[in-house]
Amino acid sequence: MIEEILPGLYRIEIPLPKSPLKALNSYLINGQERFLIIDTGFNRDECLHPMLASLKKLNVDLSRTDFFITHLHADHSGLVATLATETSKIYFNKVETSIVSFEGSEGRWDGMFAFYLSNGFPLDEFKKAFESHPGYRYSPRKRVPFSVLGEGDTIDIDDYSFRCIETPGHSPGHMCLYEPSKKILVCGDHILFDITPNITWWPELKNSLNQYLMSLGKVYGLDVALILPGHRSRWDNHRRRITELYEHHRERLSEALSALGDGAKTAWGVAPYITWDIDCKSWEEFPPTQKWFAVGETIAHLDYLEADGRVRKDTKNHKVIYSLV
């Protein structure tokens, strides 16, 4: 599906098969000299074919197209290496270039494997989650020549001038684009309206939930009339949504504390006590990958509580155990 939002600004809906996210909102700026595509979809044919068909309808010349990737997740970055040409610039944040272009990716996944097992994830469950993880299956398969941007850098295309805003939390180097004259905020997965962004544990980001909450505060004061999120519907009131997201995480922190009320637990043991927006009757019915996401988010909230002095973290028999202070 193609939607013209403003003159020269289009939303291209890229399907994400078998993902609870359903689709990615990819955005296209149609300039006189260059095109700019913001986020791309998974590295799989089910995303590539709709993208190419949409670009053909919009008369996009990929040899004159640049790309901006909001963050490393495969549903946003997966296709960029396939779509980019030798004349393309691929704008990306510095923190995540070493992850997406990581030569020893197997070593990084091995580290994740050990970490989640130490937090109580059962071995057989983890193997299933790993095999179906979209980051493992649908990321770029070759090194991407990124052009690194940071806080305050701009991307200019015709009468659009987008300023980069670093918003770590959902991912270590997540970046939004802000167009002050048109009051547009391209927010990737920093702010979503029908669903809440997953805030998980990252080896590159200490206390990711606290970082996320600070990043929400960073964009709260912007003058915004049009918000372009990475998934689902858009809205024009980012401040109200940020207030809702603050409350959502306060409730989740409260649930994590309540889960520890009857004794110490691993993150795997705490996760079933948290309210998840998954269409399953019980924790046991969760798909393995959704358990991965849920446990990661549980760890982020427990680490926040530890930093806040309300929870203690110990290691017993090679397992990380959380308990109330």
Protein backbone atom coordinates (compact mmCIF):
# COMPACT_ATOMS: atom_id res chain seq x y z
CA MET A 1 0.00 0.00 0.00
CA ILE A 2 1.21 3.51 -0.88
CA GLU A 3 -0.07 6.64 0.86
CA GLU A 4 0.93 10.20 -0.02
CA ILE A 5 1.13 12.02 3.33
CA LEU A 6 2.46 15.38 2.08
CA PRO A 7 3.63 16.51 -1.36
CA GLY A 8 6.65 14.32 -2.12
CA LEU A 9 6.36 12.36 1.14
CA TYR A 10 4.97 8.83 0.94
CA ARG A 11 4.34 5.92 3.31
CA ILE A 12 4.98 2.48 1.82
CA GLU A 13 3.51 -0.36 3.87
CA ILE A 14 5.81 -3.39 3.79
CA PRO A 15 4.24 -6.64 5.07
CA LEU A 16 6.05 -8.52 7.85
CA PRO A 17 4.76 -12.10 7.50
CA LYS A 18 4.08 -14.03 10.72
CA SER A 19 5.18 -11.06 12.84
CA PRO A 20 2.89 -9.53 15.49
CA LEU A 21 4.01 -6.16 14.10
CA LYS A 22 2.11 -7.01 10.87
CA ALA A 23 3.83 -4.40 8.67
CA LEU A 24 6.58 -1.79 8.52
CA ASN A 25 5.98 1.84 7.61
CA SER A 26 8.74 2.71 5.16
CA TYR A 27 8.84 6.38 4.17
CA LEU A 28 9.95 7.85 0.85
CA ILE A 29 10.96 11.45 0.14
CA ASN A 30 10.71 12.14 -3.59
CA GLY A 31 13.22 14.87 -4.38
CA GLN A 32 14.10 16.43 -7.69
CA GLU A 33 17.72 15.23 -7.59
CA ARG A 34 17.66 12.39 -5.04
CA PHE A 35 15.23 10.06 -3.31
CA LEU A 36 15.42 9.16 0.39
CA ILE A 37 14.00 5.91 1.81
CA ILE A 38 13.59 5.64 5.59
CA ASP A 39 13.67 1.99 6.78
CA THR A 40 13.25 -1.02 4.53
CA GLY A 41 11.71 -4.24 5.94
CA PHE A 42 13.08 -7.74 6.52
CA ASN A 43 15.70 -9.23 4.24
CA ARG A 44 13.24 -11.66 2.65
CA ASP A 45 11.36 -11.90 -0.64
CA GLU A 46 8.00 -11.25 1.02
CA CYS A 47 9.27 -7.75 1.86
CA LEU A 48 11.48 -7.16 -1.18
CA HIS A 49 8.79 -7.74 -3.81
CA PRO A 50 6.22 -5.28 -2.35
CA MET A 51 8.98 -2.71 -1.86
CA LEU A 52 10.21 -2.98 -5.45
CA ALA A 53 6.65 -2.88 -6.80
CA SER A 54 5.91 0.28 -4.80
CA LEU A 55 9.13 1.98 -5.88
CA LYS A 56 8.32 1.18 -9.51
CA LYS A 57 4.88 2.78 -9.16
CA LEU A 58 6.51 5.90 -7.71
CA ASN A 59 9.16 5.99 -10.47
CA VAL A 60 12.00 5.72 -7.98
CA ASP A 61 15.46 5.37 -9.47
CA LEU A 62 17.55 3.36 -6.99
CA SER A 63 20.75 4.72 -8.53
CA ARG A 64 19.64 8.13 -7.21
CA THR A 65 18.35 6.88 -3.85
CA ASP A 66 19.80 7.27 -0.37
CA PHE A 67 18.66 5.54 2.81
CA PHE A 68 18.21 6.41 6.46
CA ILE A 69 17.86 3.51 8.91
CA THR A 70 16.39 4.44 12.28
CA HIS A 71 17.90 1.46 14.11
CA LEU A 72 19.39 -2.00 13.70
CA HIS A 73 16.32 -4.25 13.98
CA ALA A 74 15.95 -6.45 10.91
CA ASP A 75 12.45 -5.21 10.08
CA HIS A 76 14.00 -1.75 9.61
CA SER A 77 17.48 -2.55 8.26
CA GLY A 78 17.18 -5.95 6.60
CA LEU A 79 16.70 -4.95 2.96
CA VAL A 80 19.03 -1.96 2.80
CA ALA A 81 22.03 -3.90 1.47
CA THR A 82 19.84 -5.35 -1.30
CA LEU A 83 18.25 -2.05 -2.34
CA ALA A 84 21.29 0.23 -2.10
CA THR A 85 23.45 0.84 -5.16
CA GLU A 86 27.06 1.95 -5.52
CA THR A 87 25.84 5.56 -5.66
CA SER A 88 23.67 5.32 -2.54
CA LYS A 89 24.46 6.77 0.86
CA ILE A 90 23.17 4.75 3.81
CA TYR A 91 22.79 6.97 6.88
CA PHE A 92 23.00 5.22 10.24
CA ASN A 93 24.01 5.77 13.85
CA LYS A 94 27.56 5.07 15.04
CA VAL A 95 26.73 2.81 17.98
CA GLU A 96 25.01 0.15 15.90
CA THR A 97 27.30 0.04 12.87
CA SER A 98 29.54 -2.42 14.68
CA ILE A 99 26.55 -4.66 15.41
CA VAL A 100 24.93 -4.73 11.97
CA SER A 101 28.33 -5.04 10.23
CA PHE A 102 29.78 -7.26 12.96
CA GLU A 103 32.29 -9.68 11.41
CA GLY A 104 32.04 -12.14 14.29
CA SER A 105 28.25 -12.24 14.51
CA GLU A 106 28.26 -15.83 15.70
CA GLY A 107 30.32 -14.76 18.70
CA ARG A 108 27.78 -12.09 19.55
CA TRP A 109 24.93 -14.57 19.37
CA ASP A 110 26.93 -16.94 21.58
CA GLY A 111 27.18 -14.17 24.15
CA MET A 112 23.42 -13.62 24.01
CA PHE A 113 22.94 -17.37 24.39
CA ALA A 114 24.99 -17.49 27.60
CA PHE A 115 23.32 -14.37 29.00
CA TYR A 116 19.75 -15.59 28.54
CA LEU A 117 20.57 -19.03 29.94
CA SER A 118 22.02 -17.32 33.03
CA ASN A 119 18.70 -15.49 33.43
CA GLY A 120 16.76 -18.74 33.60
CA PHE A 121 15.83 -19.29 29.94
CA PRO A 122 15.58 -23.10 29.45
CA LEU A 123 18.04 -24.47 26.91
CA ASP A 124 15.46 -26.16 24.66
CA GLU A 125 13.26 -23.05 24.65
CA PHE A 126 16.21 -20.83 23.80
CA LYS A 127 17.26 -22.97 20.85
CA LYS A 128 13.75 -22.65 19.40
CA ALA A 129 13.73 -18.87 20.01
CA PHE A 130 17.14 -18.45 18.41
CA GLU A 131 16.22 -20.38 15.27
CA SER A 132 13.13 -18.25 14.69
CA HIS A 133 14.57 -14.89 15.81
CA PRO A 134 14.06 -12.30 13.03
CA GLY A 135 17.36 -10.61 13.81
CA TYR A 136 19.19 -13.85 13.09
CA ARG A 137 17.15 -14.83 10.05
CA TYR A 138 16.40 -11.58 8.22
CA SER A 139 19.27 -9.14 8.80
CA PRO A 140 21.55 -7.93 5.97
CA ARG A 141 23.83 -10.73 4.77
CA LYS A 142 26.73 -8.56 3.69
CA ARG A 143 28.69 -5.63 5.08
CA VAL A 144 26.86 -2.34 4.69
CA PRO A 145 28.91 0.82 3.91
CA PHE A 146 27.25 3.18 6.37
CA SER A 147 27.55 6.97 6.41
CA VAL A 148 27.50 7.69 10.14
CA LEU A 149 25.36 10.52 11.50
CA GLY A 150 25.01 11.80 15.04
CA GLU A 151 23.07 14.24 17.19
CA GLY A 152 22.28 17.45 15.30
CA ASP A 153 23.45 16.29 11.87
CA THR A 154 21.04 17.00 9.03
CA ILE A 155 19.77 15.32 5.89
CA ASP A 156 18.59 17.84 3.30
CA ILE A 157 16.42 16.88 0.35
CA ASP A 158 14.61 19.63 -1.55
CA ASP A 159 12.69 21.72 0.99
CA TYR A 160 12.93 19.04 3.71
CA SER A 161 15.72 19.41 6.26
CA PHE A 162 15.73 16.57 8.78
CA ARG A 163 17.74 16.92 11.99
CA CYS A 164 19.04 13.77 13.71
CA ILE A 165 18.01 13.17 17.32
CA GLU A 166 19.69 10.34 19.22
CA THR A 167 17.05 8.40 21.18
CA PRO A 168 18.67 5.28 22.71
CA GLY A 169 16.43 2.84 24.55
CA HIS A 170 14.53 0.64 22.13
CA SER A 171 17.95 -0.08 20.68
CA PRO A 172 21.42 1.17 21.68
CA GLY A 173 21.70 3.84 18.96
CA HIS A 174 18.11 4.46 17.88
CA MET A 175 17.77 7.74 16.00
CA CYS A 176 14.77 9.89 15.07
CA LEU A 177 14.50 12.58 12.40
CA TYR A 178 12.91 15.95 13.11
CA GLU A 179 11.86 18.48 10.46
CA PRO A 180 11.25 21.70 12.45
CA SER A 181 9.77 23.86 9.68
CA LYS A 182 7.16 21.22 8.81
CA LYS A 183 6.90 19.94 12.40
CA ILE A 184 7.47 16.31 11.35
CA LEU A 185 8.92 13.66 13.68
CA VAL A 186 10.04 10.41 12.03
CA CYS A 187 10.31 8.26 15.12
CA GLY A 188 11.03 4.68 14.04
CA ASP A 189 10.15 2.51 17.04
CA HIS A 190 10.79 5.20 19.65
CA ILE A 191 7.09 6.10 19.84
CA LEU A 192 4.37 3.72 18.64
CA PHE A 193 0.65 4.24 19.12
CA ASP A 194 -1.19 0.91 18.75
CA ILE A 195 1.53 -1.06 20.52
CA THR A 196 4.31 -0.27 22.98
CA PRO A 197 7.98 -0.42 21.86
CA ASN A 198 9.91 -3.38 23.23
CA ILE A 199 12.55 -2.20 25.71
CA THR A 200 15.01 -5.01 26.22
CA TRP A 201 18.48 -5.70 27.59
CA TRP A 202 21.45 -4.76 25.41
CA PRO A 203 25.14 -5.44 26.13
CA GLU A 204 25.90 -2.03 24.57
CA LEU A 205 23.39 -0.06 26.67
CA LYS A 206 23.43 0.18 30.45
CA ASN A 207 19.99 0.42 32.08
CA SER A 208 18.13 0.53 28.76
CA LEU A 209 14.76 1.38 30.33
CA ASN A 210 16.17 4.46 32.02
CA GLN A 211 17.80 5.46 28.74
CA TYR A 212 14.47 5.01 26.96
CA LEU A 213 12.54 7.12 29.46
CA MET A 214 15.12 9.89 29.17
CA SER A 215 14.89 9.70 25.36
CA LEU A 216 11.12 10.10 25.57
CA GLY A 217 11.68 13.24 27.63
CA LYS A 218 14.13 14.48 25.04
CA VAL A 219 11.48 14.63 22.29
CA TYR A 220 8.56 15.60 24.55
CA GLY A 221 9.12 19.33 24.11
CA LEU A 222 9.44 19.30 20.31
CA ASP A 223 6.84 21.19 18.29
CA VAL A 224 5.30 18.31 16.31
CA ALA A 225 2.24 18.24 14.07
CA LEU A 226 2.91 14.98 12.20
CA ILE A 227 4.41 11.84 13.73
CA LEU A 228 5.62 9.08 11.42
CA PRO A 229 6.12 5.84 13.41
CA GLY A 230 7.71 2.63 12.20
CA HIS A 231 4.57 0.53 12.65
CA ARG A 232 0.80 0.74 12.60
CA SER A 233 -1.13 4.02 12.65
CA ARG A 234 0.16 7.55 13.14
CA TRP A 235 -1.15 10.28 15.41
CA ASP A 236 -0.50 13.95 16.02
CA ASN A 237 -0.21 14.07 19.83
CA HIS A 238 3.19 12.74 20.82
CA ARG A 239 3.08 14.29 24.29
CA ARG A 240 -0.07 12.43 25.25
CA ARG A 241 1.42 9.18 23.96
CA ILE A 242 4.67 9.75 25.86
CA THR A 243 2.64 10.25 29.04
CA GLU A 244 0.89 6.94 28.35
CA LEU A 245 4.22 5.20 27.78
CA TYR A 246 5.57 6.53 31.09
CA GLU A 247 2.51 5.09 32.84
CA HIS A 248 2.84 1.78 30.99
CA HIS A 249 6.36 1.29 32.30
CA ARG A 250 5.41 2.35 35.82
CA GLU A 251 2.78 -0.40 35.79
CA ARG A 252 5.27 -2.92 34.44
CA LEU A 253 7.77 -2.01 37.14
CA SER A 254 5.05 -2.51 39.73
CA GLU A 255 4.24 -5.95 38.30
CA ALA A 256 7.90 -6.94 38.47
CA LEU A 257 8.07 -5.90 42.12
CA SER A 258 4.89 -7.82 42.90
CA ALA A 259 6.33 -10.93 41.25
CA LEU A 260 9.21 -10.87 43.72
CA GLY A 261 6.88 -10.47 46.70
CA ASP A 262 6.81 -14.18 47.45
CA GLY A 263 10.52 -14.81 46.91
CA ALA A 264 13.55 -14.39 44.69
CA LYS A 265 13.30 -15.34 41.01
CA THR A 266 15.20 -15.32 37.75
CA ALA A 267 13.96 -13.03 34.97
CA TRP A 268 12.43 -16.13 33.37
CA GLY A 269 10.51 -16.68 36.62
CA VAL A 270 9.31 -13.07 36.76
CA ALA A 271 8.21 -12.79 33.11
CA PRO A 272 4.93 -14.77 33.45
CA TYR A 273 3.75 -12.27 36.10
CA ILE A 274 3.97 -9.37 33.64
CA THR A 275 1.01 -8.35 31.48
CA TRP A 276 1.91 -8.93 27.82
CA ASP A 277 -0.11 -7.94 24.79
CA ILE A 278 0.10 -11.41 23.24
CA ASP A 279 -2.92 -13.38 22.06
CA CYS A 280 -2.19 -16.41 24.25
CA LYS A 281 -4.05 -17.81 27.26
CA SER A 282 -0.92 -18.60 29.25
CA TRP A 283 2.83 -18.09 29.34
CA GLU A 284 3.34 -21.67 28.17
CA GLU A 285 1.53 -20.87 24.91
CA PHE A 286 3.81 -17.94 24.00
CA PRO A 287 5.85 -18.56 20.82
CA PRO A 288 9.54 -19.04 21.72
CA THR A 289 10.64 -15.77 20.10
CA GLN A 290 7.98 -13.83 22.02
CA LYS A 291 9.32 -15.41 25.22
CA TRP A 292 12.77 -14.08 24.23
CA PHE A 293 11.37 -10.57 23.80
CA ALA A 294 9.38 -10.82 27.05
CA VAL A 295 12.33 -12.02 29.13
CA GLY A 296 14.56 -9.33 27.64
CA GLU A 297 12.04 -6.66 28.59
CA THR A 298 11.67 -8.19 32.05
CA ILE A 299 15.44 -7.94 32.55
CA ALA A 300 15.37 -4.28 31.48
CA HIS A 301 12.76 -3.52 34.13
CA LEU A 302 14.52 -5.52 36.84
CA ASP A 303 17.81 -3.76 36.07
CA TYR A 304 16.02 -0.42 36.35
CA LEU A 305 14.68 -1.44 39.76
CA GLU A 306 18.14 -2.59 40.84
CA ALA A 307 19.65 0.77 39.83
CA ASP A 308 16.82 2.44 41.75
CA GLY A 309 17.71 0.49 44.89
CA ARG A 310 14.47 -1.48 45.10
CA VAL A 311 15.79 -4.85 43.89
CA ARG A 312 18.98 -6.80 44.58
CA LYS A 313 20.71 -8.97 41.97
CA ASP A 314 22.80 -12.00 42.95
CA THR A 315 24.33 -14.93 41.10
CA LYS A 316 23.69 -18.41 42.48
CA ASN A 317 24.64 -21.63 40.71
CA HIS A 318 25.40 -19.65 37.53
CA LYS A 319 21.91 -18.10 37.55
CA VAL A 320 21.07 -14.43 38.01
CA ILE A 321 18.55 -14.11 40.84
CA TYR A 322 16.51 -10.99 41.68
CA SER A 323 14.99 -10.29 45.07
CA LEU A 324 13.39 -7.39 46.93
CA VAL A 325 15.64 -5.16 48.99
